[in-house]
Amino acid sequence: EWREHDRLAYLWPYTNGQFLVRIRDSLFLMDASLEMRPFLTLPDGLRDVQVSPDRKLTVLETDEPQPAVSDTSALGSGKPVKVIILHSGTNRAIAESHARGAIQVPLLGDGLLDTLEGKKSGTWVVRWLPFQGQPRILTEVKTDCRPTPTAVSASVAVIFGCYLDGDAHLVAAVSADGKQLWQTHWENKYVWGWFSPAENGSRFVFESLQVNRPISTFDALYPDDILAQRAGVYDTESGNLVLVKDASPVLTAGQNAALSPDGMRFAILRGGAIEVYNLPPVENPAPPAEAQSAGKGK
């Protein structure tokens, strides 16, 4: 048993069959023996930890030291953070930056993803920014809000967009070389999404809350609105839905479903027990027309 000291995330799949464990502002490494070994302590306070889908890179966000008196920060901007990107298993930084508050860093391969407004109204460009080399445009999407790219493997990202006059989210997958793999629409009655990819990138889990009414970004969410928490397993290259299960009890932060490193087994918390399912082999990518309809209504 572990006694944690706050409500922040504390456990991440890591490299070489290990897990990364956070206790306050210290990180530990753990393997199947469940014996924790000290790894890293952040003296300025640990705000967030992110691990890339292939487990090769780690993002650490720490508090940025502030002067005793300051009136320059905007209301609601939060405490500034220092963003550090490391090779997993080391304490050597390969990139550092600063932000006004804790942010999500979408790592893809040896770089990260960025979005810019397109030349035409209602279009957005998704770029890949390598840690070394020149930025490269991956794709352009038409959406009424800034798209949110999330890497689900070392070479594939899923991009979420929205429409002002519809009740569905645009969902598209693009590879690191700029090839669109599939595109579909997911209903907006599934909110607070959370991804869990297999380490080899073959599949990912998308877990979300199923609600009884359309919920926008600024709408309040009440316990009576929640119908279930659903976790779907998708083939990364084709977008095909492999398996869907409801998790229970409902945990609004997600993180109660996972895939094995090879994407062939799926585990989920149901009724206070952990259920494990064997999955079929990954199918070849579907033709574009089939891939576009694979996730409708899911």
C-alpha atoms as a PDB file:
ATOM      1  CA  GLU A   1       0.000   0.000   0.000  1.00  0.00           C
ATOM      2  CA  TRP A   2       1.119   3.540  -0.780  1.00  0.00           C
ATOM      3  CA  ARG A   3      -0.027   6.661   1.006  1.00  0.00           C
ATOM      4  CA  GLU A   4      -0.244   9.541  -1.459  1.00  0.00           C
ATOM      5  CA  HIS A   5      -0.360  13.141  -0.347  1.00  0.00           C
ATOM      6  CA  ASP A   6      -2.604  14.880  -2.893  1.00  0.00           C
ATOM      7  CA  ARG A   7      -4.981  14.249  -5.804  1.00  0.00           C
ATOM      8  CA  LEU A   8      -2.412  14.536  -8.604  1.00  0.00           C
ATOM      9  CA  ALA A   9      -1.382  11.645 -10.866  1.00  0.00           C
ATOM     10  CA  TYR A  10       1.241   9.432  -9.273  1.00  0.00           C
ATOM     11  CA  LEU A  11       1.879   6.442 -11.589  1.00  0.00           C
ATOM     12  CA  TRP A  12       3.040   6.195 -15.235  1.00  0.00           C
ATOM     13  CA  PRO A  13       4.175   3.267 -17.461  1.00  0.00           C
ATOM     14  CA  TYR A  14       7.878   3.750 -18.142  1.00  0.00           C
ATOM     15  CA  THR A  15      10.787   2.214 -20.045  1.00  0.00           C
ATOM     16  CA  ASN A  16      12.000  -1.400 -19.924  1.00  0.00           C
ATOM     17  CA  GLY A  17       8.966  -2.760 -18.091  1.00  0.00           C
ATOM     18  CA  GLN A  18       9.264  -0.194 -15.310  1.00  0.00           C
ATOM     19  CA  PHE A  19       6.839   2.299 -13.789  1.00  0.00           C
ATOM     20  CA  LEU A  20       7.440   5.873 -12.676  1.00  0.00           C
ATOM     21  CA  VAL A  21       6.017   6.719  -9.228  1.00  0.00           C
ATOM     22  CA  ARG A  22       5.607  10.212  -7.754  1.00  0.00           C
ATOM     23  CA  ILE A  23       5.527  10.901  -4.018  1.00  0.00           C
ATOM     24  CA  ARG A  24       5.265  14.633  -3.336  1.00  0.00           C
ATOM     25  CA  ASP A  25       8.142  16.185  -5.338  1.00  0.00           C
ATOM     26  CA  SER A  26      10.220  13.011  -5.726  1.00  0.00           C
ATOM     27  CA  LEU A  27      10.142  10.384  -8.482  1.00  0.00           C
ATOM     28  CA  PHE A  28      10.889   6.694  -8.029  1.00  0.00           C
ATOM     29  CA  LEU A  29      11.349   3.783 -10.452  1.00  0.00           C
ATOM     30  CA  MET A  30       9.573   0.485  -9.861  1.00  0.00           C
ATOM     31  CA  ASP A  31       9.399  -2.861 -11.662  1.00  0.00           C
ATOM     32  CA  ALA A  32       7.324  -6.019 -11.166  1.00  0.00           C
ATOM     33  CA  SER A  33       8.849  -6.493  -7.700  1.00  0.00           C
ATOM     34  CA  LEU A  34       7.008  -3.286  -6.596  1.00  0.00           C
ATOM     35  CA  GLU A  35      10.203  -2.162  -4.901  1.00  0.00           C
ATOM     36  CA  MET A  36      10.721   1.572  -5.400  1.00  0.00           C
ATOM     37  CA  ARG A  37      14.169   3.002  -6.181  1.00  0.00           C
ATOM     38  CA  PRO A  38      14.880   6.759  -5.857  1.00  0.00           C
ATOM     39  CA  PHE A  39      15.232   8.450  -9.253  1.00  0.00           C
ATOM     40  CA  LEU A  40      14.844  12.226  -9.107  1.00  0.00           C
ATOM     41  CA  THR A  41      13.803  14.977  -6.681  1.00  0.00           C
ATOM     42  CA  LEU A  42      12.666  18.399  -7.916  1.00  0.00           C
ATOM     43  CA  PRO A  43      13.632  21.098  -5.376  1.00  0.00           C
ATOM     44  CA  ASP A  44      11.279  23.720  -6.877  1.00  0.00           C
ATOM     45  CA  GLY A  45       8.170  21.570  -6.652  1.00  0.00           C
ATOM     46  CA  LEU A  46       6.772  19.093  -9.193  1.00  0.00           C
ATOM     47  CA  ARG A  47       3.644  20.364 -10.968  1.00  0.00           C
ATOM     48  CA  ASP A  48       3.188  17.762 -13.689  1.00  0.00           C
ATOM     49  CA  VAL A  49       4.735  14.655 -15.273  1.00  0.00           C
ATOM     50  CA  GLN A  50       4.123  13.394 -18.817  1.00  0.00           C
ATOM     51  CA  VAL A  51       5.609  10.338 -20.551  1.00  0.00           C
ATOM     52  CA  SER A  52       5.648   9.988 -24.353  1.00  0.00           C
ATOM     53  CA  PRO A  53       3.613   7.129 -25.912  1.00  0.00           C
ATOM     54  CA  ASP A  54       6.769   5.108 -26.699  1.00  0.00           C
ATOM     55  CA  ARG A  55       8.118   5.838 -23.151  1.00  0.00           C
ATOM     56  CA  LYS A  56      11.344   7.346 -24.551  1.00  0.00           C
ATOM     57  CA  LEU A  57      10.804  10.956 -23.412  1.00  0.00           C
ATOM     58  CA  THR A  58       9.600  12.464 -20.145  1.00  0.00           C
ATOM     59  CA  VAL A  59       8.241  15.952 -19.470  1.00  0.00           C
ATOM     60  CA  LEU A  60       8.660  17.473 -16.009  1.00  0.00           C
ATOM     61  CA  GLU A  61       7.014  20.758 -15.039  1.00  0.00           C
ATOM     62  CA  THR A  62       8.284  22.566 -11.943  1.00  0.00           C
ATOM     63  CA  ASP A  63       7.374  25.809 -10.206  1.00  0.00           C
ATOM     64  CA  GLU A  64       9.146  28.874 -11.535  1.00  0.00           C
ATOM     65  CA  PRO A  65      10.657  30.951  -8.687  1.00  0.00           C
ATOM     66  CA  GLN A  66       8.753  34.235  -8.286  1.00  0.00           C
ATOM     67  CA  PRO A  67       9.671  37.588  -6.701  1.00  0.00           C
ATOM     68  CA  ALA A  68       8.158  38.345  -3.302  1.00  0.00           C
ATOM     69  CA  VAL A  69       5.911  41.077  -4.767  1.00  0.00           C
ATOM     70  CA  SER A  70       4.684  41.106  -8.350  1.00  0.00           C
ATOM     71  CA  ASP A  71       1.731  42.767 -10.079  1.00  0.00           C
ATOM     72  CA  THR A  72       2.615  41.746 -13.642  1.00  0.00           C
ATOM     73  CA  SER A  73       0.813  38.396 -13.767  1.00  0.00           C
ATOM     74  CA  ALA A  74      -2.645  38.345 -15.318  1.00  0.00           C
ATOM     75  CA  LEU A  75      -5.625  37.313 -13.223  1.00  0.00           C
ATOM     76  CA  GLY A  76      -6.288  33.591 -13.545  1.00  0.00           C
ATOM     77  CA  SER A  77      -3.003  32.868 -15.313  1.00  0.00           C
ATOM     78  CA  GLY A  78      -1.818  30.526 -12.539  1.00  0.00           C
ATOM     79  CA  LYS A  79       1.711  30.079 -11.298  1.00  0.00           C
ATOM     80  CA  PRO A  80       4.418  30.050 -14.008  1.00  0.00           C
ATOM     81  CA  VAL A  81       6.189  26.752 -14.632  1.00  0.00           C
ATOM     82  CA  LYS A  82       9.493  25.598 -16.066  1.00  0.00           C
ATOM     83  CA  VAL A  83       9.077  22.805 -18.634  1.00  0.00           C
ATOM     84  CA  ILE A  84      11.905  20.264 -18.874  1.00  0.00           C
ATOM     85  CA  ILE A  85      12.081  17.426 -21.442  1.00  0.00           C
ATOM     86  CA  LEU A  86      14.372  14.479 -20.642  1.00  0.00           C
ATOM     87  CA  HIS A  87      15.365  11.198 -22.199  1.00  0.00           C
ATOM     88  CA  SER A  88      13.493   8.696 -20.013  1.00  0.00           C
ATOM     89  CA  GLY A  89      15.623   7.149 -17.314  1.00  0.00           C
ATOM     90  CA  THR A  90      18.122  10.035 -17.282  1.00  0.00           C
ATOM     91  CA  ASN A  91      18.275  13.452 -15.646  1.00  0.00           C
ATOM     92  CA  ARG A  92      19.797  15.138 -18.708  1.00  0.00           C
ATOM     93  CA  ALA A  93      17.561  17.815 -20.244  1.00  0.00           C
ATOM     94  CA  ILE A  94      17.290  17.908 -24.045  1.00  0.00           C
ATOM     95  CA  ALA A  95      14.951  20.920 -24.062  1.00  0.00           C
ATOM     96  CA  GLU A  96      13.699  23.539 -21.611  1.00  0.00           C
ATOM     97  CA  SER A  97      11.013  26.189 -21.829  1.00  0.00           C
ATOM     98  CA  HIS A  98       8.707  28.325 -19.693  1.00  0.00           C
ATOM     99  CA  ALA A  99       4.921  28.659 -19.515  1.00  0.00           C
ATOM    100  CA  ARG A 100       2.381  30.743 -17.612  1.00  0.00           C
ATOM    101  CA  GLY A 101       0.899  27.614 -16.078  1.00  0.00           C
ATOM    102  CA  ALA A 102       0.971  23.839 -16.303  1.00  0.00           C
ATOM    103  CA  ILE A 103       0.508  22.755 -19.927  1.00  0.00           C
ATOM    104  CA  GLN A 104       0.118  19.543 -21.926  1.00  0.00           C
ATOM    105  CA  VAL A 105       3.120  18.871 -24.173  1.00  0.00           C
ATOM    106  CA  PRO A 106       2.156  16.625 -27.147  1.00  0.00           C
ATOM    107  CA  LEU A 107       5.402  14.710 -27.777  1.00  0.00           C
ATOM    108  CA  LEU A 108       5.747  12.968 -31.140  1.00  0.00           C
ATOM    109  CA  GLY A 109       8.979  11.112 -31.870  1.00  0.00           C
ATOM    110  CA  ASP A 110      11.957  13.427 -31.302  1.00  0.00           C
ATOM    111  CA  GLY A 111       9.829  16.551 -31.261  1.00  0.00           C
ATOM    112  CA  LEU A 112       6.463  18.000 -30.315  1.00  0.00           C
ATOM    113  CA  LEU A 113       3.246  19.146 -31.979  1.00  0.00           C
ATOM    114  CA  ASP A 114       2.046  22.717 -32.439  1.00  0.00           C
ATOM    115  CA  THR A 115      -1.020  24.392 -33.999  1.00  0.00           C
ATOM    116  CA  LEU A 116      -1.303  27.651 -35.961  1.00  0.00           C
ATOM    117  CA  GLU A 117      -4.194  29.439 -37.645  1.00  0.00           C
ATOM    118  CA  GLY A 118      -4.409  28.580 -41.345  1.00  0.00           C
ATOM    119  CA  LYS A 119      -4.557  31.034 -44.213  1.00  0.00           C
ATOM    120  CA  LYS A 120      -8.273  30.408 -44.768  1.00  0.00           C
ATOM    121  CA  SER A 121     -10.925  31.206 -42.172  1.00  0.00           C
ATOM    122  CA  GLY A 122     -11.797  28.220 -39.977  1.00  0.00           C
ATOM    123  CA  THR A 123      -8.670  26.254 -40.857  1.00  0.00           C
ATOM    124  CA  TRP A 124      -5.765  25.289 -38.617  1.00  0.00           C
ATOM    125  CA  VAL A 125      -2.317  23.947 -39.365  1.00  0.00           C
ATOM    126  CA  VAL A 126      -0.727  21.204 -37.267  1.00  0.00           C
ATOM    127  CA  ARG A 127       3.096  21.324 -37.257  1.00  0.00           C
ATOM    128  CA  TRP A 128       5.813  19.015 -36.003  1.00  0.00           C
ATOM    129  CA  LEU A 129       8.628  20.825 -34.201  1.00  0.00           C
ATOM    130  CA  PRO A 130      11.739  18.614 -33.927  1.00  0.00           C
ATOM    131  CA  PHE A 131      14.189  19.275 -31.110  1.00  0.00           C
ATOM    132  CA  GLN A 132      16.813  19.551 -33.849  1.00  0.00           C
ATOM    133  CA  GLY A 133      16.002  20.691 -37.367  1.00  0.00           C
ATOM    134  CA  GLN A 134      13.267  22.695 -39.080  1.00  0.00           C
ATOM    135  CA  PRO A 135       9.506  22.604 -38.334  1.00  0.00           C
ATOM    136  CA  ARG A 136       7.362  20.597 -40.745  1.00  0.00           C
ATOM    137  CA  ILE A 137       3.650  20.996 -41.521  1.00  0.00           C
ATOM    138  CA  LEU A 138       1.799  17.708 -41.051  1.00  0.00           C
ATOM    139  CA  THR A 139      -1.756  18.578 -42.008  1.00  0.00           C
ATOM    140  CA  GLU A 140      -4.426  21.281 -42.205  1.00  0.00           C
ATOM    141  CA  VAL A 141      -7.839  20.720 -40.620  1.00  0.00           C
ATOM    142  CA  LYS A 142     -11.114  22.644 -40.822  1.00  0.00           C
ATOM    143  CA  THR A 143     -12.516  23.251 -37.349  1.00  0.00           C
ATOM    144  CA  ASP A 144     -14.286  26.058 -35.489  1.00  0.00           C
ATOM    145  CA  CYS A 145     -11.935  25.864 -32.498  1.00  0.00           C
ATOM    146  CA  ARG A 146      -8.203  25.414 -32.013  1.00  0.00           C
ATOM    147  CA  PRO A 147      -7.541  21.688 -32.589  1.00  0.00           C
ATOM    148  CA  THR A 148      -5.969  19.565 -29.873  1.00  0.00           C
ATOM    149  CA  PRO A 149      -3.304  17.135 -31.121  1.00  0.00           C
ATOM    150  CA  THR A 150      -2.448  14.113 -28.965  1.00  0.00           C
ATOM    151  CA  ALA A 151       0.289  11.643 -29.860  1.00  0.00           C
ATOM    152  CA  VAL A 152      -0.844   8.007 -29.586  1.00  0.00           C
ATOM    153  CA  SER A 153       2.430   6.487 -30.809  1.00  0.00           C
ATOM    154  CA  ALA A 154       5.952   7.595 -31.719  1.00  0.00           C
ATOM    155  CA  SER A 155       4.747   8.433 -35.245  1.00  0.00           C
ATOM    156  CA  VAL A 156       0.939   8.975 -35.133  1.00  0.00           C
ATOM    157  CA  ALA A 157      -1.129  11.789 -33.600  1.00  0.00           C
ATOM    158  CA  VAL A 158      -4.897  12.057 -33.163  1.00  0.00           C
ATOM    159  CA  ILE A 159      -6.311  15.566 -33.717  1.00  0.00           C
ATOM    160  CA  PHE A 160      -9.566  16.755 -32.087  1.00  0.00           C
ATOM    161  CA  GLY A 161     -11.587  19.636 -33.507  1.00  0.00           C
ATOM    162  CA  CYS A 162     -15.138  20.966 -33.128  1.00  0.00           C
ATOM    163  CA  TYR A 163     -18.029  22.509 -35.050  1.00  0.00           C
ATOM    164  CA  LEU A 164     -20.259  25.352 -33.822  1.00  0.00           C
ATOM    165  CA  ASP A 165     -23.357  24.094 -35.650  1.00  0.00           C
ATOM    166  CA  GLY A 166     -23.055  20.371 -34.953  1.00  0.00           C
ATOM    167  CA  ASP A 167     -23.036  17.892 -32.101  1.00  0.00           C
ATOM    168  CA  ALA A 168     -19.919  15.965 -33.032  1.00  0.00           C
ATOM    169  CA  HIS A 169     -16.168  16.319 -32.681  1.00  0.00           C
ATOM    170  CA  LEU A 170     -13.839  16.066 -35.638  1.00  0.00           C
ATOM    171  CA  VAL A 171     -11.277  13.313 -35.035  1.00  0.00           C
ATOM    172  CA  ALA A 172      -8.423  12.721 -37.480  1.00  0.00           C
ATOM    173  CA  ALA A 173      -5.214  10.706 -37.315  1.00  0.00           C
ATOM    174  CA  VAL A 174      -2.044  11.848 -39.069  1.00  0.00           C
ATOM    175  CA  SER A 175       1.405  10.271 -39.294  1.00  0.00           C
ATOM    176  CA  ALA A 176       4.711  12.025 -38.647  1.00  0.00           C
ATOM    177  CA  ASP A 177       5.351  12.142 -42.416  1.00  0.00           C
ATOM    178  CA  GLY A 178       2.112  14.094 -43.005  1.00  0.00           C
ATOM    179  CA  LYS A 179      -0.130  11.244 -44.215  1.00  0.00           C
ATOM    180  CA  GLN A 180      -3.739  11.355 -43.008  1.00  0.00           C
ATOM    181  CA  LEU A 181      -4.573   7.829 -41.844  1.00  0.00           C
ATOM    182  CA  TRP A 182      -8.267   8.247 -41.055  1.00  0.00           C
ATOM    183  CA  GLN A 183     -10.913  10.819 -40.176  1.00  0.00           C
ATOM    184  CA  THR A 184     -14.263  10.476 -38.430  1.00  0.00           C
ATOM    185  CA  HIS A 185     -16.640  12.190 -35.989  1.00  0.00           C
ATOM    186  CA  TRP A 186     -17.305  11.325 -32.360  1.00  0.00           C
ATOM    187  CA  GLU A 187     -20.460  12.515 -30.593  1.00  0.00           C
ATOM    188  CA  ASN A 188     -19.982  15.228 -27.972  1.00  0.00           C
ATOM    189  CA  LYS A 189     -21.888  13.247 -25.355  1.00  0.00           C
ATOM    190  CA  TYR A 190     -18.479  11.711 -24.617  1.00  0.00           C
ATOM    191  CA  VAL A 191     -16.424  14.228 -22.618  1.00  0.00           C
ATOM    192  CA  TRP A 192     -13.246  14.474 -20.513  1.00  0.00           C
ATOM    193  CA  GLY A 193     -11.343  12.132 -22.798  1.00  0.00           C
ATOM    194  CA  TRP A 194      -8.119  10.412 -21.778  1.00  0.00           C
ATOM    195  CA  PHE A 195      -5.677   8.377 -23.920  1.00  0.00           C
ATOM    196  CA  SER A 196      -3.624   5.330 -22.985  1.00  0.00           C
ATOM    197  CA  PRO A 197      -1.455   3.988 -25.858  1.00  0.00           C
ATOM    198  CA  ALA A 198       0.341   0.663 -26.167  1.00  0.00           C
ATOM    199  CA  GLU A 199       4.102   1.104 -26.004  1.00  0.00           C
ATOM    200  CA  ASN A 200       4.619  -0.302 -29.522  1.00  0.00           C
ATOM    201  CA  GLY A 201       2.056   2.162 -30.929  1.00  0.00           C
ATOM    202  CA  SER A 202      -0.213  -0.459 -32.499  1.00  0.00           C
ATOM    203  CA  ARG A 203      -3.306   0.466 -30.450  1.00  0.00           C
ATOM    204  CA  PHE A 204      -4.619   3.058 -28.040  1.00  0.00           C
ATOM    205  CA  VAL A 205      -7.415   3.302 -25.474  1.00  0.00           C
ATOM    206  CA  PHE A 206      -9.714   6.309 -25.489  1.00  0.00           C
ATOM    207  CA  GLU A 207     -11.620   6.596 -22.230  1.00  0.00           C
ATOM    208  CA  SER A 208     -14.356   9.191 -21.646  1.00  0.00           C
ATOM    209  CA  LEU A 209     -17.434  10.017 -19.611  1.00  0.00           C
ATOM    210  CA  GLN A 210     -20.768   9.357 -21.310  1.00  0.00           C
ATOM    211  CA  VAL A 211     -23.232  12.111 -20.384  1.00  0.00           C
ATOM    212  CA  ASN A 212     -26.973  12.530 -20.915  1.00  0.00           C
ATOM    213  CA  ARG A 213     -26.762  15.866 -22.747  1.00  0.00           C
ATOM    214  CA  PRO A 214     -24.340  17.702 -25.025  1.00  0.00           C
ATOM    215  CA  ILE A 215     -21.613  19.349 -22.941  1.00  0.00           C
ATOM    216  CA  SER A 216     -19.579  22.264 -24.267  1.00  0.00           C
ATOM    217  CA  THR A 217     -16.198  23.436 -22.967  1.00  0.00           C
ATOM    218  CA  PHE A 218     -17.773  26.003 -20.626  1.00  0.00           C
ATOM    219  CA  ASP A 219     -20.732  23.910 -19.367  1.00  0.00           C
ATOM    220  CA  ALA A 220     -20.806  22.653 -15.795  1.00  0.00           C
ATOM    221  CA  LEU A 221     -20.812  18.885 -15.318  1.00  0.00           C
ATOM    222  CA  TYR A 222     -22.897  17.439 -12.473  1.00  0.00           C
ATOM    223  CA  PRO A 223     -22.960  13.864 -11.082  1.00  0.00           C
ATOM    224  CA  ASP A 224     -26.501  13.352 -12.422  1.00  0.00           C
ATOM    225  CA  ASP A 225     -25.236  14.112 -15.949  1.00  0.00           C
ATOM    226  CA  ILE A 226     -22.917  11.079 -16.004  1.00  0.00           C
ATOM    227  CA  LEU A 227     -24.345   7.860 -17.439  1.00  0.00           C
ATOM    228  CA  ALA A 228     -21.186   5.731 -17.672  1.00  0.00           C
ATOM    229  CA  GLN A 229     -17.467   5.739 -18.284  1.00  0.00           C
ATOM    230  CA  ARG A 230     -16.567   3.998 -21.534  1.00  0.00           C
ATOM    231  CA  ALA A 231     -13.174   2.805 -22.731  1.00  0.00           C
ATOM    232  CA  GLY A 232     -12.706   1.908 -26.395  1.00  0.00           C
ATOM    233  CA  VAL A 233      -9.674   0.145 -27.873  1.00  0.00           C
ATOM    234  CA  TYR A 234      -8.709   1.385 -31.357  1.00  0.00           C
ATOM    235  CA  ASP A 235      -6.200   0.199 -33.947  1.00  0.00           C
ATOM    236  CA  THR A 236      -3.909   3.189 -34.464  1.00  0.00           C
ATOM    237  CA  GLU A 237      -3.296   2.852 -38.215  1.00  0.00           C
ATOM    238  CA  SER A 238      -6.892   2.182 -39.278  1.00  0.00           C
ATOM    239  CA  GLY A 239      -9.024   3.770 -36.555  1.00  0.00           C
ATOM    240  CA  ASN A 240     -11.016   0.536 -36.272  1.00  0.00           C
ATOM    241  CA  LEU A 241     -12.757  -0.024 -32.929  1.00  0.00           C
ATOM    242  CA  VAL A 242     -11.665  -3.354 -31.437  1.00  0.00           C
ATOM    243  CA  LEU A 243     -13.406  -3.496 -28.047  1.00  0.00           C
ATOM    244  CA  VAL A 244     -15.577  -1.293 -25.791  1.00  0.00           C
ATOM    245  CA  LYS A 245     -16.103  -1.776 -22.041  1.00  0.00           C
ATOM    246  CA  ASP A 246     -17.617   0.319 -19.262  1.00  0.00           C
ATOM    247  CA  ALA A 247     -15.395   1.089 -16.292  1.00  0.00           C
ATOM    248  CA  SER A 248     -16.766   1.079 -12.746  1.00  0.00           C
ATOM    249  CA  PRO A 249     -16.682   2.810 -10.430  1.00  0.00           C
ATOM    250  CA  VAL A 250     -16.572   5.953 -12.571  1.00  0.00           C
ATOM    251  CA  LEU A 251     -13.329   7.849 -11.991  1.00  0.00           C
ATOM    252  CA  THR A 252     -13.600  11.265 -13.621  1.00  0.00           C
ATOM    253  CA  ALA A 253      -9.821  11.538 -14.082  1.00  0.00           C
ATOM    254  CA  GLY A 254      -9.784   8.325 -16.141  1.00  0.00           C
ATOM    255  CA  GLN A 255      -6.652   6.202 -15.857  1.00  0.00           C
ATOM    256  CA  ASN A 256      -8.565   3.028 -15.022  1.00  0.00           C
ATOM    257  CA  ALA A 257      -7.831   1.192 -18.303  1.00  0.00           C
ATOM    258  CA  ALA A 258      -4.583   0.188 -20.014  1.00  0.00           C
ATOM    259  CA  LEU A 259      -3.005  -1.853 -22.815  1.00  0.00           C
ATOM    260  CA  SER A 260      -0.074  -4.249 -22.646  1.00  0.00           C
ATOM    261  CA  PRO A 261       3.146  -3.014 -24.337  1.00  0.00           C
ATOM    262  CA  ASP A 262       2.408  -5.128 -27.456  1.00  0.00           C
ATOM    263  CA  GLY A 263      -1.246  -4.016 -27.675  1.00  0.00           C
ATOM    264  CA  MET A 264      -2.538  -7.593 -27.409  1.00  0.00           C
ATOM    265  CA  ARG A 265      -4.110  -7.410 -23.934  1.00  0.00           C
ATOM    266  CA  PHE A 266      -6.505  -4.890 -22.410  1.00  0.00           C
ATOM    267  CA  ALA A 267      -7.106  -4.293 -18.700  1.00  0.00           C
ATOM    268  CA  ILE A 268      -9.920  -2.285 -17.112  1.00  0.00           C
ATOM    269  CA  LEU A 269     -11.295  -1.653 -13.633  1.00  0.00           C
ATOM    270  CA  ARG A 270     -14.853  -3.011 -13.402  1.00  0.00           C
ATOM    271  CA  GLY A 271     -16.862  -3.540 -10.255  1.00  0.00           C
ATOM    272  CA  GLY A 272     -13.813  -3.180  -8.034  1.00  0.00           C
ATOM    273  CA  ALA A 273     -11.882  -5.889  -9.916  1.00  0.00           C
ATOM    274  CA  ILE A 274      -9.315  -5.716 -12.727  1.00  0.00           C
ATOM    275  CA  GLU A 275     -10.526  -7.539 -15.843  1.00  0.00           C
ATOM    276  CA  VAL A 276      -8.010  -8.539 -18.531  1.00  0.00           C
ATOM    277  CA  TYR A 277      -9.020  -9.312 -22.139  1.00  0.00           C
ATOM    278  CA  ASN A 278      -7.004 -10.922 -24.939  1.00  0.00           C
ATOM    279  CA  LEU A 279      -7.334  -8.960 -28.188  1.00  0.00           C
ATOM    280  CA  PRO A 280      -7.172 -10.175 -31.801  1.00  0.00           C
ATOM    281  CA  PRO A 281      -4.148  -9.387 -33.997  1.00  0.00           C
ATOM    282  CA  VAL A 282      -4.013  -5.871 -35.410  1.00  0.00           C
ATOM    283  CA  GLU A 283      -5.735  -5.701 -38.802  1.00  0.00           C
ATOM    284  CA  ASN A 284      -4.223  -4.044 -41.853  1.00  0.00           C
ATOM    285  CA  PRO A 285      -5.297  -0.415 -42.274  1.00  0.00           C
ATOM    286  CA  ALA A 286      -8.727  -0.059 -43.858  1.00  0.00           C
ATOM    287  CA  PRO A 287      -9.205   1.776 -47.162  1.00  0.00           C
ATOM    288  CA  PRO A 288      -9.864   5.506 -46.655  1.00  0.00           C
ATOM    289  CA  ALA A 289     -13.655   5.285 -47.096  1.00  0.00           C
ATOM    290  CA  GLU A 290     -13.940   2.529 -44.474  1.00  0.00           C
ATOM    291  CA  ALA A 291     -11.534   4.216 -42.074  1.00  0.00           C
ATOM    292  CA  GLN A 292     -13.594   7.425 -42.142  1.00  0.00           C
ATOM    293  CA  SER A 293     -16.702   5.617 -40.914  1.00  0.00           C
ATOM    294  CA  ALA A 294     -14.992   3.321 -38.418  1.00  0.00           C
ATOM    295  CA  GLY A 295     -15.549   5.509 -35.341  1.00  0.00           C
ATOM    296  CA  LYS A 296     -18.983   7.025 -36.057  1.00  0.00           C
ATOM    297  CA  GLY A 297     -21.240   6.930 -33.056  1.00  0.00           C
ATOM    298  CA  LYS A 298     -18.592   5.357 -30.854  1.00  0.00           C
END
